[in-house]
């Protein structure tokens, strides 16, 4: 059972073309040209240090990476540099038959519960949601606007990080504050990393050969940002991140859960401004704040060397993670699968083992041999006797965005995207 390999199923998703996936940040642009059927990245790249004196553009195709260090004054210049590299070193986008451009947007609020084709009204609605994610939405929107100008002849589709969690029960999504205040300012739990949680939970069902509707899962997306979700029959019923990506698990530089009165205390007694507190909780907390290091490889070295701060930091991280696993077990009642994913979840066998240590009485355990090392393929890491499977499933948000983009344009009737040999498109939850 280690690792699990399954043939890639036939799909209506992009059978005759590719999808350019764009993830635009405040000073960077990440992109992939994806084959939505086979799942491979045909080309990929990164634009960094936008607006600084020296930018960096990296483009990988055919096993070769081309790198430029010219100034990139804005996102428009960055995307123009990307398109120039497609023309120069390949692949030719016309020959790759790009059927859609897929964009990741962090916050869809209560407006967007599924991917949408971009038009001027959608742009205006995303802009109106910017106060809910002021650090993320403006650069997301800039990337969309610039890409529409540079690639006007293909449909652009937005996939929202929050959409998968629109199904949360009101009891899970509602904060216990004054209802009028919450309604006036859109205060509620939105959840994030939804594209990853949806992709991974669907992948679990597919590799196990089981109906998604029959499986209760806990998905642990553990990267520099970290989140947990409880998924009942393919439907999200709880998640750790809240109105922003700050709530929940201990992360690389973010605090996760904290008593709100701490913030009041720091403002009143330490003279910290709101911006100071924002910087503290988002950039100087988590593992970085506790141990001075948010790279788990370096953290483990410090632990092995006996660094007390590092030992405590890892203990705090594991304690919070175990607490959420227990809570979500109670929410679901029955847990069929616990799945680790993302950079830490896929690569750190110490974290995986410690997170589930001592849970044998609950039918949960990790086999040390199966768990050892990094996992590049879906892998069962629990022993045969457990009632709950424990798996590692690599996430692929770009592929998920590409498939959802193609499904969206197919539903809208765009021509040239369906595969007549397989008339049944894969649902987003089964990606």
Protein backbone atom coordinates (compact mmCIF):
# COMPACT_ATOMS: atom_id res chain seq x y z
CA UNK A 1 0.00 0.00 0.00
CA UNK A 2 2.98 2.33 -0.09
CA UNK A 3 2.81 4.33 -2.28
CA UNK A 4 -0.63 4.29 -3.93
CA UNK A 5 -0.60 4.75 -7.68
CA UNK A 6 -3.64 5.15 -9.84
CA UNK A 7 -3.97 5.81 -13.57
CA UNK A 8 -5.06 9.32 -14.45
CA UNK A 9 -8.73 9.09 -15.43
CA UNK A 10 -10.02 10.37 -18.70
CA UNK A 11 -11.60 13.78 -18.31
CA UNK A 12 -13.50 16.35 -20.27
CA UNK A 13 -11.28 18.97 -18.69
CA UNK A 14 -9.17 20.64 -21.34
CA UNK A 15 -8.74 17.61 -23.52
CA UNK A 16 -7.80 19.80 -26.49
CA UNK A 17 -5.85 22.55 -24.77
CA UNK A 18 -4.05 24.01 -21.78
CA UNK A 19 -4.78 26.54 -19.06
CA UNK A 20 -2.50 29.37 -17.94
CA UNK A 21 -2.84 29.66 -14.16
CA UNK A 22 -1.83 33.01 -12.66
CA UNK A 23 -1.37 33.77 -8.95
CA UNK A 24 -0.62 37.45 -8.49
CA UNK A 25 0.80 38.66 -5.17
CA UNK A 26 1.74 42.09 -3.87
CA UNK A 27 5.27 41.97 -5.34
CA UNK A 28 5.26 38.71 -7.27
CA UNK A 29 3.51 36.66 -9.96
CA UNK A 30 3.53 32.86 -9.96
CA UNK A 31 2.29 31.03 -13.04
CA UNK A 32 1.94 27.60 -14.60
CA UNK A 33 0.82 26.41 -18.01
CA UNK A 34 -1.12 23.27 -17.11
CA UNK A 35 -2.47 20.31 -19.03
CA UNK A 36 -5.75 19.78 -17.14
CA UNK A 37 -6.14 16.21 -18.39
CA UNK A 38 -2.74 14.72 -17.66
CA UNK A 39 -2.14 17.11 -14.79
CA UNK A 40 1.43 18.02 -15.69
CA UNK A 41 2.85 21.54 -15.66
CA UNK A 42 3.97 22.22 -19.23
CA UNK A 43 5.81 25.35 -18.13
CA UNK A 44 6.05 27.37 -14.95
CA UNK A 45 7.67 30.45 -13.59
CA UNK A 46 7.92 33.27 -11.13
CA UNK A 47 8.26 37.04 -11.23
CA UNK A 48 9.67 38.49 -8.01
CA UNK A 49 10.62 41.89 -6.58
CA UNK A 50 8.08 43.80 -8.66
CA UNK A 51 8.59 47.54 -8.13
CA UNK A 52 12.14 47.19 -6.80
CA UNK A 53 15.35 48.33 -8.47
CA UNK A 54 16.13 44.82 -9.67
CA UNK A 55 13.44 42.29 -10.50
CA UNK A 56 13.72 38.57 -11.09
CA UNK A 57 11.93 36.55 -13.77
CA UNK A 58 12.34 32.74 -13.87
CA UNK A 59 10.74 30.60 -16.58
CA UNK A 60 11.03 26.80 -16.70
CA UNK A 61 10.17 24.76 -19.79
CA UNK A 62 11.45 21.44 -21.08
CA UNK A 63 13.68 20.92 -18.05
CA UNK A 64 15.52 24.21 -18.63
CA UNK A 65 15.21 27.41 -16.58
CA UNK A 66 15.73 30.85 -18.07
CA UNK A 67 16.38 33.66 -15.60
CA UNK A 68 16.40 37.45 -16.03
CA UNK A 69 17.22 40.15 -13.47
CA UNK A 70 15.92 43.26 -15.20
CA UNK A 71 13.77 45.84 -13.35
CA UNK A 72 10.07 44.96 -13.24
CA UNK A 73 8.32 48.25 -12.45
CA UNK A 74 4.78 46.87 -12.18
CA UNK A 75 2.59 43.81 -12.74
CA UNK A 76 1.98 44.80 -16.36
CA UNK A 77 5.70 44.73 -17.06
CA UNK A 78 5.96 41.42 -15.19
CA UNK A 79 3.30 39.69 -17.28
CA UNK A 80 4.73 41.16 -20.48
CA UNK A 81 8.11 39.67 -19.51
CA UNK A 82 6.42 36.30 -18.94
CA UNK A 83 4.70 36.36 -22.33
CA UNK A 84 7.99 37.36 -23.98
CA UNK A 85 9.67 34.30 -22.46
CA UNK A 86 6.88 32.06 -23.75
CA UNK A 87 7.59 33.51 -27.22
CA UNK A 88 11.36 33.24 -26.83
CA UNK A 89 11.95 29.85 -25.16
CA UNK A 90 8.52 28.24 -25.39
CA UNK A 91 6.10 26.82 -25.44
CA UNK A 92 4.29 28.91 -28.02
CA UNK A 93 0.97 29.78 -26.38
CA UNK A 94 -0.92 29.64 -29.67
CA UNK A 95 0.36 26.12 -30.33
CA UNK A 96 -0.38 25.16 -26.72
CA UNK A 97 -4.01 26.18 -27.41
CA UNK A 98 -4.67 28.06 -24.19
CA UNK A 99 -8.42 27.68 -23.63
CA UNK A 100 -8.57 29.75 -20.44
CA UNK A 101 -6.58 31.78 -17.95
CA UNK A 102 -7.27 30.75 -14.35
CA UNK A 103 -6.73 33.24 -11.54
CA UNK A 104 -6.51 32.55 -7.82
CA UNK A 105 -8.29 35.10 -5.63
CA UNK A 106 -8.01 34.69 -1.88
CA UNK A 107 -11.32 36.17 -0.72
CA UNK A 108 -14.72 35.63 -2.36
CA UNK A 109 -16.71 36.74 0.67
CA UNK A 110 -20.37 35.80 0.75
CA UNK A 111 -20.70 36.70 -2.93
CA UNK A 112 -18.77 33.98 -4.75
CA UNK A 113 -19.40 30.33 -3.96
CA UNK A 114 -17.97 28.91 -7.19
CA UNK A 115 -15.57 29.90 -9.99
CA UNK A 116 -16.77 32.64 -12.34
CA UNK A 117 -15.83 33.94 -15.77
CA UNK A 118 -14.40 37.42 -15.43
CA UNK A 119 -16.27 40.42 -16.73
CA UNK A 120 -16.39 44.05 -15.60
CA UNK A 121 -19.10 43.31 -13.02
CA UNK A 122 -17.03 40.51 -11.48
CA UNK A 123 -14.02 42.82 -11.28
CA UNK A 124 -16.14 45.44 -9.50
CA UNK A 125 -17.49 42.86 -7.04
CA UNK A 126 -14.00 41.57 -6.22
CA UNK A 127 -12.83 45.14 -5.71
CA UNK A 128 -15.73 45.73 -3.30
CA UNK A 129 -14.55 42.72 -1.24
CA UNK A 130 -11.02 44.11 -0.87
CA UNK A 131 -11.52 45.31 2.75
CA UNK A 132 -11.91 41.65 3.79
CA UNK A 133 -8.40 40.83 2.48
CA UNK A 134 -6.58 44.15 2.04
CA UNK A 135 -3.15 42.54 1.62
CA UNK A 136 -4.21 39.96 -0.94
CA UNK A 137 -7.15 41.20 -3.02
CA UNK A 138 -5.60 44.31 -4.65
CA UNK A 139 -2.65 42.39 -6.18
CA UNK A 140 -4.99 39.52 -7.13
CA UNK A 141 -7.16 42.05 -8.93
CA UNK A 142 -4.22 43.77 -10.60
CA UNK A 143 -3.10 40.45 -12.04
CA UNK A 144 -6.57 39.81 -13.45
CA UNK A 145 -6.85 43.24 -15.02
CA UNK A 146 -3.40 43.13 -16.60
CA UNK A 147 -3.85 39.57 -17.88
CA UNK A 148 -7.19 40.50 -19.49
CA UNK A 149 -5.46 43.33 -21.34
CA UNK A 150 -2.58 41.17 -22.53
CA UNK A 151 -4.61 38.03 -23.28
CA UNK A 152 -7.98 39.39 -24.44
CA UNK A 153 -8.94 36.52 -26.73
CA UNK A 154 -9.41 33.78 -24.11
CA UNK A 155 -11.85 33.61 -21.19
CA UNK A 156 -10.48 34.43 -17.76
CA UNK A 157 -11.83 32.48 -14.78
CA UNK A 158 -11.49 33.34 -11.10
CA UNK A 159 -11.25 30.54 -8.53
CA UNK A 160 -11.76 31.66 -4.95
CA UNK A 161 -9.82 30.30 -1.98
CA UNK A 162 -12.86 30.70 0.24
CA UNK A 163 -15.43 29.03 -2.03
CA UNK A 164 -15.04 25.47 -0.70
CA UNK A 165 -15.96 26.68 2.78
CA UNK A 166 -19.20 28.37 1.79
CA UNK A 167 -20.87 25.14 2.97
CA UNK A 168 -19.90 25.64 6.61
CA UNK A 169 -22.91 25.35 8.92
CA UNK A 170 -23.94 28.66 10.46
CA UNK A 171 -22.88 27.36 13.87
CA UNK A 172 -19.34 26.93 12.54
CA UNK A 173 -19.21 30.12 10.50
CA UNK A 174 -20.67 32.52 13.06
CA UNK A 175 -18.63 34.46 15.59
CA UNK A 176 -20.37 35.17 18.90
CA UNK A 177 -20.34 38.96 18.66
CA UNK A 178 -23.15 41.50 18.27
CA UNK A 179 -25.17 40.36 15.25
CA UNK A 180 -25.67 43.85 13.86
CA UNK A 181 -21.95 44.62 13.98
CA UNK A 182 -21.06 41.31 12.35
CA UNK A 183 -23.63 41.81 9.57
CA UNK A 184 -22.62 45.41 8.90
CA UNK A 185 -18.95 44.51 8.48
CA UNK A 186 -19.18 41.00 6.98
CA UNK A 187 -17.57 39.41 10.04
CA UNK A 188 -17.76 35.61 9.85
CA UNK A 189 -15.56 32.58 9.27
CA UNK A 190 -14.64 32.32 5.59
CA UNK A 191 -11.78 29.82 5.64
CA UNK A 192 -8.81 29.70 3.26
CA UNK A 193 -6.69 27.18 1.34
CA UNK A 194 -10.05 25.95 0.05
CA UNK A 195 -8.72 25.00 -3.38
CA UNK A 196 -6.16 22.71 -1.73
CA UNK A 197 -8.62 21.17 0.76
CA UNK A 198 -11.10 20.48 -2.04
CA UNK A 199 -8.49 18.99 -4.35
CA UNK A 200 -6.95 16.76 -1.67
CA UNK A 201 -10.24 15.47 -0.26
CA UNK A 202 -11.38 14.58 -3.77
CA UNK A 203 -8.05 12.95 -4.58
CA UNK A 204 -8.31 10.76 -1.49
CA UNK A 205 -11.61 9.32 -2.69
CA UNK A 206 -10.26 8.71 -6.17
CA UNK A 207 -7.07 6.91 -5.15
CA UNK A 208 -8.99 4.76 -2.66
CA UNK A 209 -11.63 3.92 -5.26
CA UNK A 210 -14.41 5.05 -2.94
CA UNK A 211 -17.34 7.43 -3.29
CA UNK A 212 -16.47 10.86 -1.95
CA UNK A 213 -19.95 11.06 -0.43
CA UNK A 214 -19.15 8.07 1.83
CA UNK A 215 -15.93 9.41 3.39
CA UNK A 216 -15.42 11.61 6.47
CA UNK A 217 -12.02 13.29 6.36
CA UNK A 218 -9.72 15.57 8.28
CA UNK A 219 -7.39 17.39 5.88
CA UNK A 220 -4.26 19.05 7.27
CA UNK A 221 -2.72 21.61 4.90
CA UNK A 222 0.62 22.27 6.57
CA UNK A 223 2.90 24.78 4.89
CA UNK A 224 4.26 28.13 6.01
CA UNK A 225 0.56 28.93 6.22
CA UNK A 226 -1.37 26.07 7.81
CA UNK A 227 -5.03 25.09 8.06
CA UNK A 228 -7.20 22.13 8.98
CA UNK A 229 -10.61 21.14 7.68
CA UNK A 230 -13.34 18.65 8.52
CA UNK A 231 -14.96 17.32 5.35
CA UNK A 232 -18.08 15.17 5.54
CA UNK A 233 -18.95 13.40 2.30
CA UNK A 234 -17.03 15.94 0.23
CA UNK A 235 -18.66 18.92 1.98
CA UNK A 236 -16.63 21.17 4.29
CA UNK A 237 -18.24 21.47 7.72
CA UNK A 238 -15.42 23.12 9.70
CA UNK A 239 -12.08 24.82 9.11
CA UNK A 240 -9.42 26.44 11.25
CA UNK A 241 -8.81 29.72 9.42
CA UNK A 242 -11.44 32.37 10.02
CA UNK A 243 -12.30 35.79 8.67
CA UNK A 244 -8.60 36.04 7.75
CA UNK A 245 -5.81 33.47 7.29
CA UNK A 246 -4.47 34.38 10.76
CA UNK A 247 -6.75 32.20 12.91
CA UNK A 248 -6.18 28.56 13.77
CA UNK A 249 -3.00 26.49 13.70
CA UNK A 250 0.45 27.75 14.60
CA UNK A 251 2.16 28.73 11.34
CA UNK A 252 5.56 29.78 10.07
CA UNK A 253 5.25 33.45 11.01
CA UNK A 254 1.57 33.70 12.12
CA UNK A 255 0.30 33.16 15.65
CA UNK A 256 -2.90 31.29 14.89
CA UNK A 257 -5.39 31.26 17.77
CA UNK A 258 -4.80 33.91 20.44
CA UNK A 259 -6.93 35.51 23.14
CA UNK A 260 -8.26 38.76 21.58
CA UNK A 261 -7.65 40.50 24.90
CA UNK A 262 -3.90 40.09 24.29
CA UNK A 263 -4.22 42.62 21.48
CA UNK A 264 -6.05 45.06 23.76
CA UNK A 265 -3.39 44.55 26.42
CA UNK A 266 -0.56 45.26 23.97
CA UNK A 267 -2.22 48.39 22.68
CA UNK A 268 -2.97 49.76 26.15
CA UNK A 269 0.16 48.72 27.99
CA UNK A 270 2.88 48.30 25.37
CA UNK A 271 1.87 51.30 23.28
CA UNK A 272 1.60 49.17 20.14
CA UNK A 273 -0.41 50.54 17.24
CA UNK A 274 -2.80 48.47 15.15
CA UNK A 275 -0.12 48.25 12.44
CA UNK A 276 2.43 47.10 15.05
CA UNK A 277 0.06 44.36 16.23
CA UNK A 278 -0.73 43.34 12.65
CA UNK A 279 2.99 43.00 11.94
CA UNK A 280 3.54 41.07 15.20
CA UNK A 281 0.80 38.50 14.60
CA UNK A 282 1.37 37.97 10.87
CA UNK A 283 5.15 38.32 10.47
CA UNK A 284 6.85 37.95 13.86
CA UNK A 285 4.88 35.16 15.51
CA UNK A 286 4.40 31.44 15.00
CA UNK A 287 7.57 29.38 14.79
CA UNK A 288 9.54 32.45 13.76
CA UNK A 289 8.49 34.32 16.87
CA UNK A 290 9.09 31.40 19.22
CA UNK A 291 12.35 30.02 17.83
CA UNK A 292 13.64 32.61 15.35
CA UNK A 293 13.23 30.08 12.53
CA UNK A 294 10.23 29.12 10.41
CA UNK A 295 11.96 26.63 8.10
CA UNK A 296 11.24 23.19 9.56
CA UNK A 297 14.54 21.81 8.29
CA UNK A 298 16.41 24.39 10.33
CA UNK A 299 14.02 24.05 13.26
CA UNK A 300 14.70 20.31 13.51
CA UNK A 301 18.46 21.01 13.51
CA UNK A 302 17.99 23.39 16.41
CA UNK A 303 15.87 20.81 18.27
CA UNK A 304 18.52 18.14 17.74
CA UNK A 305 21.14 20.56 19.09
CA UNK A 306 19.08 21.00 22.26
CA UNK A 307 17.90 24.57 21.64
CA UNK A 308 15.19 25.07 24.28
CA UNK A 309 13.31 27.72 22.30
CA UNK A 310 13.14 25.42 19.27
CA UNK A 311 11.98 22.48 21.39
CA UNK A 312 9.18 24.60 22.85
CA UNK A 313 8.23 25.99 19.44
CA UNK A 314 7.81 22.49 18.01
CA UNK A 315 5.88 21.38 21.10
CA UNK A 316 3.48 24.33 20.76
CA UNK A 317 3.02 23.62 17.04
CA UNK A 318 2.25 19.94 17.63
CA UNK A 319 -0.02 20.63 20.61
CA UNK A 320 -2.20 23.03 18.60
CA UNK A 321 -2.34 20.59 15.67
CA UNK A 322 -3.38 17.67 17.88
CA UNK A 323 -6.05 19.82 19.54
CA UNK A 324 -7.64 20.54 16.16
CA UNK A 325 -7.48 16.90 15.11
CA UNK A 326 -9.33 15.93 18.28
CA UNK A 327 -11.89 18.70 17.86
CA UNK A 328 -12.63 17.75 14.27
CA UNK A 329 -12.94 14.10 15.24
CA UNK A 330 -15.72 15.22 17.58
CA UNK A 331 -17.33 17.37 14.87
CA UNK A 332 -17.39 14.48 12.37
CA UNK A 333 -18.20 11.69 14.81
CA UNK A 334 -16.49 9.16 12.55
CA UNK A 335 -13.20 9.81 10.76
CA UNK A 336 -12.32 7.54 7.86
CA UNK A 337 -9.18 9.32 6.67
CA UNK A 338 -6.72 11.86 8.07
CA UNK A 339 -4.64 13.39 5.29
CA UNK A 340 -1.45 15.47 5.42
CA UNK A 341 -0.61 17.79 2.53
CA UNK A 342 1.42 20.88 1.49
CA UNK A 343 5.12 21.49 2.10
CA UNK A 344 5.39 20.38 5.73
CA UNK A 345 2.64 17.78 5.52
CA UNK A 346 4.18 16.09 2.49
CA UNK A 347 7.83 16.28 3.54
CA UNK A 348 8.12 16.20 7.34
CA UNK A 349 7.73 12.71 8.79
CA UNK A 350 8.53 13.96 12.31
CA UNK A 351 5.54 16.31 12.34
CA UNK A 352 3.25 13.62 10.92
CA UNK A 353 4.30 11.06 13.52
CA UNK A 354 4.12 13.42 16.49
CA UNK A 355 0.76 14.85 15.45
CA UNK A 356 -0.90 11.43 15.79
CA UNK A 357 1.27 9.92 18.53
CA UNK A 358 -0.63 8.10 21.28
CA UNK A 359 -3.98 7.96 19.47
CA UNK A 360 -4.05 4.18 19.06
CA UNK A 361 -7.08 3.87 21.36
CA UNK A 362 -8.99 5.97 18.78
CA UNK A 363 -7.96 3.63 15.96
CA UNK A 364 -5.39 6.15 14.69
CA UNK A 365 -1.68 5.39 14.28
CA UNK A 366 1.29 6.02 12.01
CA UNK A 367 3.52 3.18 10.81
CA UNK A 368 7.13 4.36 11.17
CA UNK A 369 8.34 2.53 8.06
CA UNK A 370 5.51 3.71 5.82
CA UNK A 371 5.79 7.22 7.21
CA UNK A 372 9.51 7.65 6.64
CA UNK A 373 10.70 10.36 4.28
CA UNK A 374 9.09 12.68 1.77
CA UNK A 375 6.04 11.61 -0.18
CA UNK A 376 5.67 12.62 -3.80
CA UNK A 377 2.70 10.32 -4.46
CA UNK A 378 -0.48 9.54 -2.51
CA UNK A 379 0.63 7.18 0.25
CA UNK A 380 -1.01 5.36 3.15
CA UNK A 381 1.20 5.74 6.23
CA UNK A 382 -0.98 4.00 8.83
CA UNK A 383 -0.63 0.31 9.77
CA UNK A 384 -3.16 -2.19 8.44
CA UNK A 385 -5.06 -2.61 11.72
CA UNK A 386 -6.29 0.99 12.15
CA UNK A 387 -9.92 2.00 11.70
CA UNK A 388 -8.82 5.41 10.37
CA UNK A 389 -6.51 5.57 7.38
CA UNK A 390 -3.70 8.11 7.58
CA UNK A 391 -2.47 9.36 4.21
CA UNK A 392 -0.11 11.82 2.62
CA UNK A 393 -1.52 13.32 -0.57
CA UNK A 394 0.48 16.00 -2.40
CA UNK A 395 -1.65 19.02 -3.19
CA UNK A 396 -1.80 20.64 -6.61
CA UNK A 397 -3.66 23.93 -6.45
CA UNK A 398 -2.65 24.94 -9.96
CA UNK A 399 -4.14 21.78 -11.43
CA UNK A 400 -7.29 22.27 -9.36
CA UNK A 401 -7.63 25.85 -10.63
CA UNK A 402 -7.03 24.73 -14.22
CA UNK A 403 -9.69 22.00 -14.03
CA UNK A 404 -12.21 24.29 -12.39
CA UNK A 405 -11.52 26.95 -15.02
CA UNK A 406 -12.19 24.52 -17.86
CA UNK A 407 -15.31 23.14 -16.16
CA UNK A 408 -16.57 26.72 -15.81
CA UNK A 409 -16.08 27.68 -19.45
CA UNK A 410 -17.55 24.36 -20.61
CA UNK A 411 -20.65 25.04 -18.53
CA UNK A 412 -20.85 28.49 -20.14
CA UNK A 413 -20.83 26.92 -23.60
CA UNK A 414 -17.38 27.86 -24.86
CA UNK A 415 -16.41 25.71 -27.83
CA UNK A 416 -13.32 23.58 -28.28
CA UNK A 417 -12.91 22.45 -24.66
CA UNK A 418 -14.82 19.19 -24.35
CA UNK A 419 -13.69 15.65 -25.03
CA UNK A 420 -16.40 13.68 -26.78
CA UNK A 421 -14.74 10.41 -25.75
CA UNK A 422 -15.67 11.12 -22.14
CA UNK A 423 -18.89 13.09 -21.86
CA UNK A 424 -18.95 13.15 -18.04
CA UNK A 425 -16.88 16.04 -16.65
CA UNK A 426 -15.19 15.50 -13.30
CA UNK A 427 -16.79 17.45 -10.49
CA UNK A 428 -14.56 19.98 -8.79
CA UNK A 429 -14.70 18.03 -5.55
CA UNK A 430 -13.30 14.95 -7.30
CA UNK A 431 -10.33 16.72 -8.84
